[in-house]
C-alpha atoms as a PDB file:
ATOM      1  CA  MET A   1     -17.765   4.404  11.313  1.00  0.00           C
ATOM      2  CA  ILE A   2     -15.282   5.911   8.844  1.00  0.00           C
ATOM      3  CA  ASP A   3     -17.015   8.132   6.275  1.00  0.00           C
ATOM      4  CA  LEU A   4     -15.283   8.585   2.909  1.00  0.00           C
ATOM      5  CA  LYS A   5     -18.330   9.570   0.869  1.00  0.00           C
ATOM      6  CA  GLY A   6     -17.425  11.862  -2.006  1.00  0.00           C
ATOM      7  CA  ARG A   7     -13.750  10.840  -1.905  1.00  0.00           C
ATOM      8  CA  ILE A   8     -11.840   9.189  -4.736  1.00  0.00           C
ATOM      9  CA  ALA A   9      -9.145   6.635  -3.915  1.00  0.00           C
ATOM     10  CA  LEU A  10      -6.506   4.848  -5.959  1.00  0.00           C
ATOM     11  CA  VAL A  11      -5.139   1.593  -4.502  1.00  0.00           C
ATOM     12  CA  THR A  12      -2.172  -0.077  -6.180  1.00  0.00           C
ATOM     13  CA  GLY A  13      -1.637  -3.806  -5.911  1.00  0.00           C
ATOM     14  CA  SER A  14      -5.283  -4.388  -5.064  1.00  0.00           C
ATOM     15  CA  THR A  15      -5.934  -7.799  -6.608  1.00  0.00           C
ATOM     16  CA  ARG A  16      -4.991  -9.903  -3.585  1.00  0.00           C
ATOM     17  CA  GLY A  17      -4.488  -9.933   0.165  1.00  0.00           C
ATOM     18  CA  ILE A  18      -3.901  -6.609   1.851  1.00  0.00           C
ATOM     19  CA  GLY A  19      -4.561  -4.520  -1.254  1.00  0.00           C
ATOM     20  CA  ARG A  20      -7.881  -6.194  -1.971  1.00  0.00           C
ATOM     21  CA  ALA A  21      -8.977  -5.689   1.628  1.00  0.00           C
ATOM     22  CA  ILE A  22      -7.986  -2.012   1.468  1.00  0.00           C
ATOM     23  CA  ALA A  23      -9.905  -1.403  -1.761  1.00  0.00           C
ATOM     24  CA  SER A  24     -13.021  -3.127  -0.393  1.00  0.00           C
ATOM     25  CA  THR A  25     -12.847  -1.309   2.943  1.00  0.00           C
ATOM     26  CA  LEU A  26     -12.483   2.117   1.334  1.00  0.00           C
ATOM     27  CA  ALA A  27     -15.431   1.340  -0.955  1.00  0.00           C
ATOM     28  CA  GLN A  28     -17.530   0.236   2.034  1.00  0.00           C
ATOM     29  CA  ALA A  29     -16.721   3.588   3.649  1.00  0.00           C
ATOM     30  CA  GLY A  30     -18.189   5.346   0.615  1.00  0.00           C
ATOM     31  CA  ALA A  31     -15.165   6.149  -1.546  1.00  0.00           C
ATOM     32  CA  LYS A  32     -15.020   5.608  -5.293  1.00  0.00           C
ATOM     33  CA  VAL A  33     -12.064   3.280  -5.761  1.00  0.00           C
ATOM     34  CA  ALA A  34      -9.673   2.918  -8.679  1.00  0.00           C
ATOM     35  CA  CYS A  35      -8.232  -0.592  -8.366  1.00  0.00           C
ATOM     36  CA  ASN A  36      -4.785  -1.330  -9.773  1.00  0.00           C
ATOM     37  CA  GLY A  37      -2.933  -4.552 -10.453  1.00  0.00           C
ATOM     38  CA  ARG A  38      -1.373  -6.565 -13.255  1.00  0.00           C
ATOM     39  CA  ASN A  39      -3.890  -9.423 -13.310  1.00  0.00           C
ATOM     40  CA  GLU A  40      -6.862  -8.096 -15.270  1.00  0.00           C
ATOM     41  CA  ALA A  41      -9.153 -11.021 -14.405  1.00  0.00           C
ATOM     42  CA  LEU A  42      -8.628 -10.545 -10.664  1.00  0.00           C
ATOM     43  CA  LEU A  43      -9.064  -6.785 -11.058  1.00  0.00           C
ATOM     44  CA  GLN A  44     -12.365  -7.238 -12.835  1.00  0.00           C
ATOM     45  CA  SER A  45     -13.622  -9.627 -10.156  1.00  0.00           C
ATOM     46  CA  LEU A  46     -12.780  -7.044  -7.484  1.00  0.00           C
ATOM     47  CA  VAL A  47     -14.573  -4.268  -9.364  1.00  0.00           C
ATOM     48  CA  GLU A  48     -17.628  -6.504  -9.772  1.00  0.00           C
ATOM     49  CA  GLU A  49     -17.510  -7.446  -6.089  1.00  0.00           C
ATOM     50  CA  ILE A  50     -17.429  -3.792  -5.033  1.00  0.00           C
ATOM     51  CA  GLY A  51     -20.219  -2.930  -7.481  1.00  0.00           C
ATOM     52  CA  GLY A  52     -22.326  -5.814  -6.215  1.00  0.00           C
ATOM     53  CA  SER A  53     -22.070  -4.374  -2.707  1.00  0.00           C
ATOM     54  CA  GLY A  54     -23.312  -0.975  -3.855  1.00  0.00           C
ATOM     55  CA  GLY A  55     -19.932   0.697  -4.335  1.00  0.00           C
ATOM     56  CA  GLU A  56     -18.251   2.223  -7.364  1.00  0.00           C
ATOM     57  CA  ALA A  57     -14.922   0.982  -8.674  1.00  0.00           C
ATOM     58  CA  LEU A  58     -12.732   1.201 -11.757  1.00  0.00           C
ATOM     59  CA  ALA A  59     -10.157  -1.330 -12.953  1.00  0.00           C
ATOM     60  CA  LEU A  60      -6.809   0.223 -13.890  1.00  0.00           C
ATOM     61  CA  PRO A  61      -4.327  -2.495 -14.872  1.00  0.00           C
ATOM     62  CA  CYS A  62      -0.719  -1.352 -15.077  1.00  0.00           C
ATOM     63  CA  ASP A  63       2.826  -2.041 -13.938  1.00  0.00           C
ATOM     64  CA  VAL A  64       3.653   0.739 -11.465  1.00  0.00           C
ATOM     65  CA  SER A  65       7.378   0.279 -12.037  1.00  0.00           C
ATOM     66  CA  ASP A  66       6.875   1.769 -15.515  1.00  0.00           C
ATOM     67  CA  GLU A  67       6.752   5.571 -15.192  1.00  0.00           C
ATOM     68  CA  GLY A  68       4.617   6.071 -18.296  1.00  0.00           C
ATOM     69  CA  GLU A  69       2.091   3.429 -17.291  1.00  0.00           C
ATOM     70  CA  ALA A  70       1.855   4.870 -13.785  1.00  0.00           C
ATOM     71  CA  LYS A  71       1.128   8.358 -15.123  1.00  0.00           C
ATOM     72  CA  ARG A  72      -1.511   7.080 -17.530  1.00  0.00           C
ATOM     73  CA  MET A  73      -3.151   5.163 -14.679  1.00  0.00           C
ATOM     74  CA  VAL A  74      -3.390   8.274 -12.513  1.00  0.00           C
ATOM     75  CA  ASP A  75      -4.662  10.326 -15.455  1.00  0.00           C
ATOM     76  CA  ARG A  76      -7.412   7.762 -16.064  1.00  0.00           C
ATOM     77  CA  CYS A  77      -8.392   7.779 -12.396  1.00  0.00           C
ATOM     78  CA  ILE A  78      -8.756  11.554 -12.514  1.00  0.00           C
ATOM     79  CA  SER A  79     -10.608  11.675 -15.840  1.00  0.00           C
ATOM     80  CA  GLU A  80     -12.956   8.724 -15.276  1.00  0.00           C
ATOM     81  CA  LEU A  81     -13.708   9.064 -11.552  1.00  0.00           C
ATOM     82  CA  GLY A  82     -13.317  12.827 -11.274  1.00  0.00           C
ATOM     83  CA  GLY A  83     -10.130  13.270  -9.237  1.00  0.00           C
ATOM     84  CA  ILE A  84      -7.867  11.662  -6.683  1.00  0.00           C
ATOM     85  CA  ASP A  85      -8.110  12.381  -2.963  1.00  0.00           C
ATOM     86  CA  ILE A  86      -6.572   9.232  -1.474  1.00  0.00           C
ATOM     87  CA  LEU A  87      -3.590   7.285  -2.751  1.00  0.00           C
ATOM     88  CA  VAL A  88      -2.576   3.944  -1.260  1.00  0.00           C
ATOM     89  CA  ASN A  89       0.708   2.512  -2.536  1.00  0.00           C
ATOM     90  CA  ASN A  90       0.457  -1.180  -1.775  1.00  0.00           C
ATOM     91  CA  ALA A  91       1.891  -2.897  -4.866  1.00  0.00           C
ATOM     92  CA  GLY A  92       4.845  -5.056  -3.926  1.00  0.00           C
ATOM     93  CA  ILE A  93       6.757  -8.208  -4.785  1.00  0.00           C
ATOM     94  CA  THR A  94       9.355 -10.433  -3.116  1.00  0.00           C
ATOM     95  CA  ARG A  95      12.389 -12.142  -4.623  1.00  0.00           C
ATOM     96  CA  ASP A  96      13.936 -13.631  -1.486  1.00  0.00           C
ATOM     97  CA  ASN A  97      17.512 -14.871  -1.363  1.00  0.00           C
ATOM     98  CA  LEU A  98      20.487 -14.604   0.945  1.00  0.00           C
ATOM     99  CA  PHE A  99      22.494 -11.501   0.091  1.00  0.00           C
ATOM    100  CA  VAL A 100      25.587 -13.390  -1.078  1.00  0.00           C
ATOM    101  CA  ARG A 101      23.428 -15.404  -3.498  1.00  0.00           C
ATOM    102  CA  MET A 102      21.110 -12.601  -4.596  1.00  0.00           C
ATOM    103  CA  LYS A 103      21.113 -12.005  -8.327  1.00  0.00           C
ATOM    104  CA  SER A 104      21.178  -8.468  -9.680  1.00  0.00           C
ATOM    105  CA  GLU A 105      17.776  -8.953 -11.288  1.00  0.00           C
ATOM    106  CA  GLU A 106      16.282 -10.061  -7.944  1.00  0.00           C
ATOM    107  CA  TRP A 107      17.519  -6.833  -6.385  1.00  0.00           C
ATOM    108  CA  GLU A 108      16.430  -4.628  -9.274  1.00  0.00           C
ATOM    109  CA  GLU A 109      12.943  -6.132  -9.685  1.00  0.00           C
ATOM    110  CA  VAL A 110      12.067  -5.586  -6.026  1.00  0.00           C
ATOM    111  CA  ILE A 111      13.453  -2.044  -5.906  1.00  0.00           C
ATOM    112  CA  ALA A 112      11.643  -1.197  -9.167  1.00  0.00           C
ATOM    113  CA  THR A 113       8.224  -2.310  -7.921  1.00  0.00           C
ATOM    114  CA  ASN A 114       8.419  -1.636  -4.182  1.00  0.00           C
ATOM    115  CA  LEU A 115      10.245   1.707  -4.175  1.00  0.00           C
ATOM    116  CA  THR A 116      10.334   3.181  -7.672  1.00  0.00           C
ATOM    117  CA  GLY A 117       6.687   2.157  -8.156  1.00  0.00           C
ATOM    118  CA  PRO A 118       5.382   4.362  -5.314  1.00  0.00           C
ATOM    119  CA  TYR A 119       7.686   7.150  -6.510  1.00  0.00           C
ATOM    120  CA  ASN A 120       6.183   6.933 -10.006  1.00  0.00           C
ATOM    121  CA  VAL A 121       2.590   6.951  -8.796  1.00  0.00           C
ATOM    122  CA  MET A 122       3.116   9.736  -6.268  1.00  0.00           C
ATOM    123  CA  ARG A 123       4.878  11.893  -8.874  1.00  0.00           C
ATOM    124  CA  ALA A 124       1.814  11.584 -11.082  1.00  0.00           C
ATOM    125  CA  ALA A 125      -0.770  12.121  -8.316  1.00  0.00           C
ATOM    126  CA  VAL A 126       0.799  14.846  -6.185  1.00  0.00           C
ATOM    127  CA  ARG A 127       0.396  17.697  -8.673  1.00  0.00           C
ATOM    128  CA  ARG A 128      -3.385  17.188  -8.711  1.00  0.00           C
ATOM    129  CA  MET A 129      -3.471  17.040  -4.909  1.00  0.00           C
ATOM    130  CA  MET A 130      -1.365  20.204  -4.700  1.00  0.00           C
ATOM    131  CA  ARG A 131      -3.808  22.082  -6.944  1.00  0.00           C
ATOM    132  CA  GLN A 132      -6.781  21.022  -4.827  1.00  0.00           C
ATOM    133  CA  ARG A 133      -4.739  21.714  -1.654  1.00  0.00           C
ATOM    134  CA  GLU A 134      -5.773  18.453  -0.047  1.00  0.00           C
ATOM    135  CA  GLY A 135      -4.887  14.779  -0.140  1.00  0.00           C
ATOM    136  CA  ALA A 136      -3.995  11.695   1.855  1.00  0.00           C
ATOM    137  CA  ILE A 137      -1.205   9.336   0.834  1.00  0.00           C
ATOM    138  CA  ILE A 138      -0.730   6.057   2.680  1.00  0.00           C
ATOM    139  CA  ASN A 139       2.284   3.943   1.777  1.00  0.00           C
ATOM    140  CA  ILE A 140       2.327   0.282   2.765  1.00  0.00           C
ATOM    141  CA  SER A 141       5.766  -0.592   4.075  1.00  0.00           C
ATOM    142  CA  SER A 142       6.767  -3.477   6.373  1.00  0.00           C
ATOM    143  CA  VAL A 143       8.321  -4.059   9.763  1.00  0.00           C
ATOM    144  CA  THR A 144      11.325  -5.391   7.817  1.00  0.00           C
ATOM    145  CA  GLY A 145      11.978  -1.840   6.629  1.00  0.00           C
ATOM    146  CA  ARG A 146      12.996  -1.060  10.221  1.00  0.00           C
ATOM    147  CA  THR A 147      14.259  -4.388  11.563  1.00  0.00           C
ATOM    148  CA  GLY A 148      15.643  -6.123   8.464  1.00  0.00           C
ATOM    149  CA  ASN A 149      15.066  -9.808   7.733  1.00  0.00           C
ATOM    150  CA  PRO A 150      17.499 -12.522   6.603  1.00  0.00           C
ATOM    151  CA  GLY A 151      16.962 -13.341   2.939  1.00  0.00           C
ATOM    152  CA  GLN A 152      15.193 -10.055   2.242  1.00  0.00           C
ATOM    153  CA  ALA A 153      17.950  -7.492   1.732  1.00  0.00           C
ATOM    154  CA  ASN A 154      16.178  -6.213  -1.399  1.00  0.00           C
ATOM    155  CA  TYR A 155      12.725  -6.088   0.220  1.00  0.00           C
ATOM    156  CA  SER A 156      13.995  -4.516   3.452  1.00  0.00           C
ATOM    157  CA  ALA A 157      15.989  -1.902   1.532  1.00  0.00           C
ATOM    158  CA  ALA A 158      12.970  -0.980  -0.579  1.00  0.00           C
ATOM    159  CA  LYS A 159      10.667  -0.681   2.433  1.00  0.00           C
ATOM    160  CA  GLY A 160      13.243   1.291   4.424  1.00  0.00           C
ATOM    161  CA  GLY A 161      13.616   3.607   1.443  1.00  0.00           C
ATOM    162  CA  LEU A 162       9.843   3.995   1.253  1.00  0.00           C
ATOM    163  CA  ASN A 163       9.802   5.028   4.915  1.00  0.00           C
ATOM    164  CA  GLY A 164      12.377   7.749   4.237  1.00  0.00           C
ATOM    165  CA  LEU A 165      10.665   8.902   1.048  1.00  0.00           C
ATOM    166  CA  SER A 166       7.353   9.173   2.905  1.00  0.00           C
ATOM    167  CA  ALA A 167       8.867  11.237   5.723  1.00  0.00           C
ATOM    168  CA  THR A 168      10.411  13.666   3.247  1.00  0.00           C
ATOM    169  CA  LEU A 169       7.192  14.069   1.274  1.00  0.00           C
ATOM    170  CA  ALA A 170       5.235  14.590   4.489  1.00  0.00           C
ATOM    171  CA  ARG A 171       7.428  17.620   5.209  1.00  0.00           C
ATOM    172  CA  GLU A 172       7.365  18.945   1.636  1.00  0.00           C
ATOM    173  CA  LEU A 173       3.623  18.544   1.106  1.00  0.00           C
ATOM    174  CA  ALA A 174       2.268  19.580   4.502  1.00  0.00           C
ATOM    175  CA  PRO A 175       1.942  23.265   3.445  1.00  0.00           C
ATOM    176  CA  ARG A 176      -0.524  22.087   0.780  1.00  0.00           C
ATOM    177  CA  ASN A 177      -2.534  20.073   3.327  1.00  0.00           C
ATOM    178  CA  ILE A 178      -1.407  16.747   1.869  1.00  0.00           C
ATOM    179  CA  ARG A 179      -0.787  14.145   4.547  1.00  0.00           C
ATOM    180  CA  VAL A 180       1.682  11.295   3.987  1.00  0.00           C
ATOM    181  CA  ASN A 181       1.785   8.347   6.375  1.00  0.00           C
ATOM    182  CA  VAL A 182       3.075   4.784   6.388  1.00  0.00           C
ATOM    183  CA  VAL A 183       1.489   1.559   7.564  1.00  0.00           C
ATOM    184  CA  ALA A 184       4.031  -1.169   8.343  1.00  0.00           C
ATOM    185  CA  PRO A 185       2.428  -4.627   8.572  1.00  0.00           C
ATOM    186  CA  GLY A 186       3.970  -7.537  10.395  1.00  0.00           C
ATOM    187  CA  LEU A 187       2.961 -11.164   9.796  1.00  0.00           C
ATOM    188  CA  ILE A 188      -0.281 -10.968   7.830  1.00  0.00           C
ATOM    189  CA  GLN A 189      -2.197 -13.997   6.574  1.00  0.00           C
ATOM    190  CA  THR A 190      -1.752 -13.550   2.807  1.00  0.00           C
ATOM    191  CA  GLU A 191      -0.467 -15.528  -0.184  1.00  0.00           C
ATOM    192  CA  MET A 192       2.936 -13.878   0.270  1.00  0.00           C
ATOM    193  CA  LEU A 193       3.248 -15.371   3.750  1.00  0.00           C
ATOM    194  CA  GLY A 194       2.064 -18.711   2.403  1.00  0.00           C
ATOM    195  CA  GLY A 195       5.481 -19.250   0.834  1.00  0.00           C
ATOM    196  CA  VAL A 196       7.158 -19.380   4.240  1.00  0.00           C
ATOM    197  CA  PRO A 197       7.768 -22.948   5.497  1.00  0.00           C
ATOM    198  CA  GLU A 198       5.436 -24.042   8.309  1.00  0.00           C
ATOM    199  CA  SER A 199       8.283 -24.504  10.791  1.00  0.00           C
ATOM    200  CA  ALA A 200       9.533 -20.977  10.111  1.00  0.00           C
ATOM    201  CA  ARG A 201       6.015 -19.582  10.461  1.00  0.00           C
ATOM    202  CA  GLU A 202       5.599 -21.229  13.844  1.00  0.00           C
ATOM    203  CA  THR A 203       8.889 -19.751  15.007  1.00  0.00           C
ATOM    204  CA  LEU A 204       7.848 -16.299  13.843  1.00  0.00           C
ATOM    205  CA  LEU A 205       4.394 -16.623  15.369  1.00  0.00           C
ATOM    206  CA  SER A 206       5.947 -17.479  18.736  1.00  0.00           C
ATOM    207  CA  ARG A 207       7.459 -13.975  18.725  1.00  0.00           C
ATOM    208  CA  VAL A 208       4.086 -12.219  18.298  1.00  0.00           C
ATOM    209  CA  PRO A 209       2.800 -11.123  21.733  1.00  0.00           C
ATOM    210  CA  LEU A 210      -0.831 -11.167  20.583  1.00  0.00           C
ATOM    211  CA  GLY A 211      -0.349 -14.790  19.559  1.00  0.00           C
ATOM    212  CA  ARG A 212      -1.878 -14.736  16.089  1.00  0.00           C
ATOM    213  CA  LEU A 213      -1.220 -13.752  12.524  1.00  0.00           C
ATOM    214  CA  GLY A 214      -2.724 -10.492  11.387  1.00  0.00           C
ATOM    215  CA  GLU A 215      -5.615 -10.343   8.939  1.00  0.00           C
ATOM    216  CA  PRO A 216      -5.676  -8.127   5.831  1.00  0.00           C
ATOM    217  CA  SER A 217      -8.590  -6.286   7.463  1.00  0.00           C
ATOM    218  CA  ASP A 218      -6.301  -5.228  10.322  1.00  0.00           C
ATOM    219  CA  ILE A 219      -4.252  -3.245   7.813  1.00  0.00           C
ATOM    220  CA  ALA A 220      -7.249  -2.041   5.827  1.00  0.00           C
ATOM    221  CA  ASP A 221      -8.898  -0.563   8.923  1.00  0.00           C
ATOM    222  CA  MET A 222      -5.767   1.460   9.725  1.00  0.00           C
ATOM    223  CA  VAL A 223      -5.565   2.709   6.145  1.00  0.00           C
ATOM    224  CA  ALA A 224      -9.222   3.788   6.184  1.00  0.00           C
ATOM    225  CA  PHE A 225      -8.629   5.737   9.390  1.00  0.00           C
ATOM    226  CA  LEU A 226      -5.560   7.511   7.962  1.00  0.00           C
ATOM    227  CA  ALA A 227      -7.471   8.329   4.772  1.00  0.00           C
ATOM    228  CA  SER A 228     -10.299   9.947   6.712  1.00  0.00           C
ATOM    229  CA  ASN A 229     -10.734  13.329   8.371  1.00  0.00           C
ATOM    230  CA  ARG A 230     -10.343  11.609  11.733  1.00  0.00           C
ATOM    231  CA  ALA A 231      -6.609  11.635  10.967  1.00  0.00           C
ATOM    232  CA  LYS A 232      -6.498  15.217   9.679  1.00  0.00           C
ATOM    233  CA  TYR A 233      -3.721  16.203  12.132  1.00  0.00           C
ATOM    234  CA  ILE A 234      -1.513  13.178  11.478  1.00  0.00           C
ATOM    235  CA  THR A 235       1.320  13.171   8.964  1.00  0.00           C
ATOM    236  CA  GLY A 236       4.846  11.800   8.629  1.00  0.00           C
ATOM    237  CA  GLN A 237       4.198   8.807  10.879  1.00  0.00           C
ATOM    238  CA  ILE A 238       4.869   5.076  10.612  1.00  0.00           C
ATOM    239  CA  PHE A 239       2.057   2.977  12.076  1.00  0.00           C
ATOM    240  CA  VAL A 240       3.285  -0.514  12.886  1.00  0.00           C
ATOM    241  CA  VAL A 241       0.505  -3.117  12.789  1.00  0.00           C
ATOM    242  CA  ASP A 242       2.220  -6.318  13.841  1.00  0.00           C
ATOM    243  CA  GLY A 243       0.669  -7.668  17.025  1.00  0.00           C
ATOM    244  CA  GLY A 244       3.701  -6.484  18.963  1.00  0.00           C
ATOM    245  CA  LEU A 245       6.239  -8.460  16.894  1.00  0.00           C
ATOM    246  CA  SER A 246       8.718  -5.607  16.510  1.00  0.00           C
ATOM    247  CA  MET A 247       8.852  -4.770  20.228  1.00  0.00           C
ATOM    248  CA  GLY A 248      11.801  -7.169  20.439  1.00  0.00           C
END
């Protein structure tokens, strides 16, 4: 059983799917959880759900692609919950299109949320972690950040950039006992995957050695482990959770 009692976590993009599962799992492990997203109604329902299960949570609506909003969110987490020990950057969007048809705004929106967003939040959180000489950052990437995916040049570029950013920060922050790791999901049963045509999903699923789609809890369990002291000697790593999809 993962024990996160006394720890304070901030999870971005926590209103749906993977992010919601991560926030709930960290709360079940005993952490106080600051929940972020842009849909205030869904955020409030998550906070109430965590509270109803005996946990403690705080709703922090904001757009992480806005540097000022991201800083204010982190400041509120610290002031209202008492600090920040765990940061999970999960917020992400897709604007899929073939590269030759991709509009500039489709590129820029995805980069702004999926790469600049984590940069903004980490910039705001790291100084506090450096002062307390401890912290765990887990960035949610994707197998497409390593393999690429037709129609997702923007998404793959953002996730590949997040992998590189995480590796660099792992080296820079290790002397302050701040660990930075990446979880790269494969095909996970979420609303985002729901937009993929059934025929395409079946083709993709046929390439998964374990023979099933992943569940949000599969990702959340890995995040909880990396956030805990059981992973205290792990940093700078990419943990692929994809049922074997990326083996080739």
